[in-house]
C-alpha cells in the first residue's frame, strides 16, 4: 500500500515538473482503486491468520498490520485528494502556489520510503525517523503553506478559490503525514516489544 501511495505522490511531482496536469485525477483514481483492493485483501489475510492460532510474536505483527490498514488507506485518500485538487486548480494558479506544495510532497515521499524500509527491516531508527520528520518538518511546511495561502487570499481576493484549494491541499498533505506517523508508532511498539 505504501508503494501505491508513493507512486501517487510521484505522479503529482511528475505532473508538476511537466506542467501537465490533465489526466492526473484519472491516474490517481486507478491507484486509489488498487489501494482499496489491497486493503481488503490484506484485511482478509489478517483475519484468516487470526483464526489460525498464531504464536504471540506473529499475532502482534498481524495485529499491527490490521490496525494500520485504515491509516494506509487514508494515506492513499489524502494523496488522491491532492492530485484531484492539483489537476482542478493548476491551470488557474500561479506557479508559486504550486511550488509551495512541492517541498511537502517530496518530504512525504521520503517518509513513505523510510516507513517501507522500517517495516521491511524492522528498523527502529527508521520508524522513529518518520515520526521525527513529521514533528520537525511536515508541520512547519504545512504552516508555511497555510500562511502563503492566506497571504495570497488577502493580496488577491479574486483568487479566493485557488487560495482555499491550496489550503485544503496543505491540510490533506499534513494529514497524510499524520497517518504515516500512526503506522510508524505501531511499528515502533512492535519492534521494542520484540527486542525486550
Protein backbone atom coordinates (compact mmCIF):
# COMPACT_ATOMS: atom_id res chain seq x y z
CA UNK A 1 0.00 0.00 0.00
CA UNK A 2 2.89 2.33 0.73
CA UNK A 3 4.33 1.79 -2.74
CA UNK A 4 0.99 2.74 -4.32
CA UNK A 5 0.84 5.95 -2.26
CA UNK A 6 4.41 6.71 -3.25
CA UNK A 7 3.51 6.18 -6.90
CA UNK A 8 0.61 8.60 -6.49
CA UNK A 9 2.82 11.30 -4.96
CA UNK A 10 5.37 10.70 -7.72
CA UNK A 11 2.59 11.27 -10.28
CA UNK A 12 1.84 14.61 -8.58
CA UNK A 13 5.51 15.61 -8.73
CA UNK A 14 5.83 14.47 -12.33
CA UNK A 15 2.72 16.39 -13.40
CA UNK A 16 4.10 19.50 -11.78
CA UNK A 17 7.56 19.04 -13.35
CA UNK A 18 5.99 18.70 -16.79
CA UNK A 19 3.38 21.40 -16.06
CA UNK A 20 0.87 18.92 -17.48
CA UNK A 21 -1.94 18.11 -15.08
CA UNK A 22 -4.57 16.62 -17.41
CA UNK A 23 -5.25 13.02 -16.50
CA UNK A 24 -3.81 13.28 -13.00
CA UNK A 25 -7.16 12.61 -11.35
CA UNK A 26 -7.78 9.56 -13.55
CA UNK A 27 -4.34 8.17 -12.68
CA UNK A 28 -4.98 8.86 -9.00
CA UNK A 29 -8.37 7.10 -9.19
CA UNK A 30 -6.71 4.00 -10.65
CA UNK A 31 -4.11 3.94 -7.90
CA UNK A 32 -6.75 4.61 -5.23
CA UNK A 33 -8.77 1.63 -6.50
CA UNK A 34 -5.63 -0.52 -6.22
CA UNK A 35 -5.13 0.68 -2.64
CA UNK A 36 -8.72 -0.14 -1.71
CA UNK A 37 -8.49 -3.63 -3.25
CA UNK A 38 -5.20 -4.31 -1.48
CA UNK A 39 -6.64 -3.13 1.82
CA UNK A 40 -9.50 -5.63 1.52
CA UNK A 41 -7.09 -8.41 0.54
CA UNK A 42 -4.74 -7.72 3.45
CA UNK A 43 -7.65 -7.42 5.86
CA UNK A 44 -8.88 -10.85 4.78
CA UNK A 45 -5.39 -12.33 5.16
CA UNK A 46 -5.09 -10.88 8.67
CA UNK A 47 -8.49 -12.26 9.66
CA UNK A 48 -7.52 -15.69 8.34
CA UNK A 49 -4.26 -15.52 10.28
CA UNK A 50 -6.10 -14.60 13.49
CA UNK A 51 -8.16 -17.77 13.18
CA UNK A 52 -5.14 -20.00 12.66
CA UNK A 53 -3.74 -19.97 16.20
CA UNK A 54 -0.71 -17.70 15.82
CA UNK A 55 2.29 -17.56 18.12
CA UNK A 56 2.44 -14.41 20.28
CA UNK A 57 5.05 -12.62 18.11
CA UNK A 58 3.16 -13.41 14.92
CA UNK A 59 -0.11 -12.31 16.47
CA UNK A 60 1.45 -8.97 17.46
CA UNK A 61 2.69 -8.50 13.89
CA UNK A 62 -0.69 -9.27 12.30
CA UNK A 63 -2.46 -7.01 14.80
CA UNK A 64 -0.11 -4.16 13.95
CA UNK A 65 -0.74 -4.66 10.23
CA UNK A 66 -4.51 -4.98 10.74
CA UNK A 67 -4.69 -1.80 12.84
CA UNK A 68 -2.54 0.07 10.29
CA UNK A 69 -4.64 -0.79 7.24
CA UNK A 70 -7.07 2.08 7.80
CA UNK A 71 -4.18 4.53 8.19
CA UNK A 72 -2.56 3.30 5.00
CA UNK A 73 -5.85 3.52 3.11
CA UNK A 74 -6.30 7.10 4.35
CA UNK A 75 -2.78 7.95 3.12
CA UNK A 76 -4.00 6.98 -0.33
CA UNK A 77 -7.19 9.00 0.09
CA UNK A 78 -5.27 12.14 1.01
CA UNK A 79 -2.84 11.69 -1.86
CA UNK A 80 -5.82 11.26 -4.20
CA UNK A 81 -7.40 14.47 -2.89
CA UNK A 82 -4.19 16.39 -3.56
CA UNK A 83 -3.93 15.01 -7.09
CA UNK A 84 -7.56 15.89 -7.82
CA UNK A 85 -7.22 19.41 -6.44
CA UNK A 86 -3.97 19.93 -8.30
CA UNK A 87 -5.50 18.99 -11.65
CA UNK A 88 -8.55 21.15 -10.95
CA UNK A 89 -6.84 24.32 -9.87
CA UNK A 90 -3.39 24.17 -11.50
CA UNK A 91 -4.48 25.90 -14.72
CA UNK A 92 -5.74 28.88 -12.69
CA UNK A 93 -2.92 29.00 -10.13
CA UNK A 94 0.32 30.88 -10.28
CA UNK A 95 3.41 28.74 -10.24
CA UNK A 96 4.34 30.00 -6.76
CA UNK A 97 1.17 28.45 -5.37
CA UNK A 98 2.04 25.10 -6.90
CA UNK A 99 5.65 25.31 -5.81
CA UNK A 100 4.57 25.73 -2.18
CA UNK A 101 3.28 22.15 -2.16
CA UNK A 102 6.35 20.51 -3.68
CA UNK A 103 8.66 20.51 -0.64
CA UNK A 104 5.91 18.85 1.39
CA UNK A 105 5.18 16.28 -1.34
CA UNK A 106 8.91 15.46 -1.59
CA UNK A 107 9.20 15.13 2.19
CA UNK A 108 6.16 12.87 2.41
CA UNK A 109 7.54 10.70 -0.40
CA UNK A 110 10.76 10.33 1.59
CA UNK A 111 8.75 9.46 4.71
CA UNK A 112 6.85 6.75 2.81
CA UNK A 113 10.11 5.26 1.56
CA UNK A 114 11.58 5.38 5.07
CA UNK A 115 8.48 3.77 6.58
CA UNK A 116 8.56 1.00 3.95
CA UNK A 117 12.20 0.34 4.85
CA UNK A 118 11.42 0.42 8.58
CA UNK A 119 8.63 -2.08 8.07
CA UNK A 120 10.63 -4.44 5.85
CA UNK A 121 13.72 -4.40 8.06
CA UNK A 122 12.02 -3.89 11.44
CA UNK A 123 14.30 -0.86 11.75
CA UNK A 124 13.53 1.14 14.89
CA UNK A 125 15.70 4.11 13.86
CA UNK A 126 13.89 4.42 10.52
CA UNK A 127 10.46 4.19 12.19
CA UNK A 128 11.44 6.95 14.60
CA UNK A 129 12.84 8.99 11.71
CA UNK A 130 9.37 9.03 10.13
CA UNK A 131 7.94 10.43 13.36
CA UNK A 132 10.74 12.98 13.71
CA UNK A 133 10.30 14.22 10.14
CA UNK A 134 6.62 14.77 10.74
CA UNK A 135 7.10 16.65 14.01
CA UNK A 136 10.06 18.72 12.83
CA UNK A 137 9.32 19.37 9.16
CA UNK A 138 5.85 18.39 7.94
CA UNK A 139 4.06 20.56 10.45
CA UNK A 140 6.35 23.52 9.69
CA UNK A 141 5.82 23.16 5.93
CA UNK A 142 2.08 22.86 6.49
CA UNK A 143 2.05 26.11 8.47
CA UNK A 144 4.14 27.77 5.76
CA UNK A 145 1.67 26.65 3.06
CA UNK A 146 -1.28 27.88 5.10
CA UNK A 147 0.34 31.28 5.65
CA UNK A 148 1.17 31.59 1.95
CA UNK A 149 -2.41 30.67 1.07
CA UNK A 150 -3.83 33.28 3.43
CA UNK A 151 -1.40 35.91 2.18
CA UNK A 152 -2.47 35.28 -1.41
CA UNK A 153 -6.10 35.44 -0.34
CA UNK A 154 -5.55 38.88 1.20
CA UNK A 155 -3.45 40.17 -1.68
CA UNK A 156 -5.65 38.82 -4.48
CA UNK A 157 -9.26 38.38 -3.31
CA UNK A 158 -10.22 37.38 -6.86
CA UNK A 159 -8.16 34.21 -6.36
CA UNK A 160 -10.27 33.04 -3.41
CA UNK A 161 -10.98 29.61 -4.84
CA UNK A 162 -7.32 28.96 -5.63
CA UNK A 163 -6.22 30.08 -2.16
CA UNK A 164 -8.83 27.93 -0.45
CA UNK A 165 -7.90 24.92 -2.59
CA UNK A 166 -4.22 25.44 -1.77
CA UNK A 167 -5.15 25.50 1.91
CA UNK A 168 -7.11 22.26 1.51
CA UNK A 169 -4.16 20.65 -0.26
CA UNK A 170 -1.92 21.67 2.64
CA UNK A 171 -4.33 20.08 5.13
CA UNK A 172 -4.52 16.87 3.09
CA UNK A 173 -0.72 16.63 2.93
CA UNK A 174 -0.37 17.28 6.65
CA UNK A 175 -2.97 14.62 7.47
CA UNK A 176 -1.20 12.17 5.15
CA UNK A 177 1.90 12.65 7.29
CA UNK A 178 -0.10 12.07 10.47
CA UNK A 179 -1.29 8.70 9.21
CA UNK A 180 2.27 7.70 8.34
CA UNK A 181 3.23 8.58 11.92
CA UNK A 182 0.41 6.41 13.28
CA UNK A 183 1.82 3.41 11.41
CA UNK A 184 5.39 4.25 12.46
CA UNK A 185 4.30 4.43 16.11
CA UNK A 186 2.68 0.99 15.93
CA UNK A 187 5.78 -0.39 14.26
CA UNK A 188 7.94 1.16 16.98
CA UNK A 189 5.91 -0.61 19.68
CA UNK A 190 6.17 -3.91 17.83
CA UNK A 191 9.95 -3.64 17.42
CA UNK A 192 10.53 -2.57 21.04
CA UNK A 193 8.36 -5.42 22.34
CA UNK A 194 10.26 -7.94 20.25
CA UNK A 195 13.61 -6.63 21.48
CA UNK A 196 12.51 -6.77 25.12
